[in-house]
């Protein structure tokens, strides 16, 4: 039963930040069902999360919610329902996470109806790349002043960050969301002398994997172990999408001081500066081969080490849990002070610089 009385404080479903003391002081975690990496939420879990958000809306004056959790996006659906309430009964709501990838056919019509009503109840969309902040208002008809860029973070624990990190003897690629492994498989075929390890379910049942490729879904702890043991980390993102993906993998690799090669997909250049802190390629087999051969060539060791150190400094200064949490707290404070968000909350100049160290392969 809902009781719309006096609401106080802020609630959140961004449980991955509750371990940050400053964040835990500002936010209380909304009641959420347990989630596992291997299974995610089942239908009962998604309904429970939707119910938890609706109940939280009666308790807190501010809600910070995740944009993309679950198959049916229960947090989005909860806000859709809340949008029908009078404004005085609704909390101030901020969505944080990836932009929504548009569907097609009849699902696109339903999505647009839902977003139209959801937007009535949203005060700010905190998205994880500058590309998304530009495209999101155009795609969904949302006021650009409600959209801002919040840099994401590495997700490794202190224990996973500590200790000796092996230099590695294999090329690692992992993840399932918005990945395209086929060009990288062909690149591996062109480099038979190099061992590749792909931690993904996307290649299950692949009819023609090269002998030098090991592929399969792995548990979270094994994923981290493989990441720690890699010589190079490649993130083969799908091109032509309308939302960013893969940040967690390449930021974790940067935090472990691994050289990263990422396809030039949407959102990547908010984090990876080609030739400075990683390599950005155009996602053809030839571009992967060229970047890998350059990275693995001992003659380029000093330039590779320079990129690795630059990437690590980015992690220390910007792409870390504390910075991510403080930016979100600042957004909530700004909203409750009655200020205009606009683009002022963006934490990056958007400047893109290229190749100061003479790296020859280009992503174009």
Foldseek 3Di string as FASTA:
>chain_A
DADQDDAAAEEECPVLQCPPVVLVVRYDYFDADDAFPVPGDDPVRLVVVLVSLLNVQSHHQEYEYEQDGDPVRSVLVSLLVVLPDPLVSGHAYEYEEKADWADDDPSNVVVLVSLVSSLSRYQAYAYAFPLLLVVRCVVNVHDSLRYEYFHAAARDDPVLLDDDQALAQAEEEEDDPQADCVQVQVLCVVVVVGAYEYAYCPCVPPPDGDPRYHYYHDHPVVSSVVLSRHNAYEYGGHADTSIDDDPNSVLNSLSSLHAYEYEPHPRPQRQDADLQQHHYAPRHSVRVNLRVCCLPDPVCVVSSSRNSVRSNVCNVPGRHSVNSSVLVVVVVVCVVVVHGRGHVSHPDPPDHDYNPPPRPRHRD
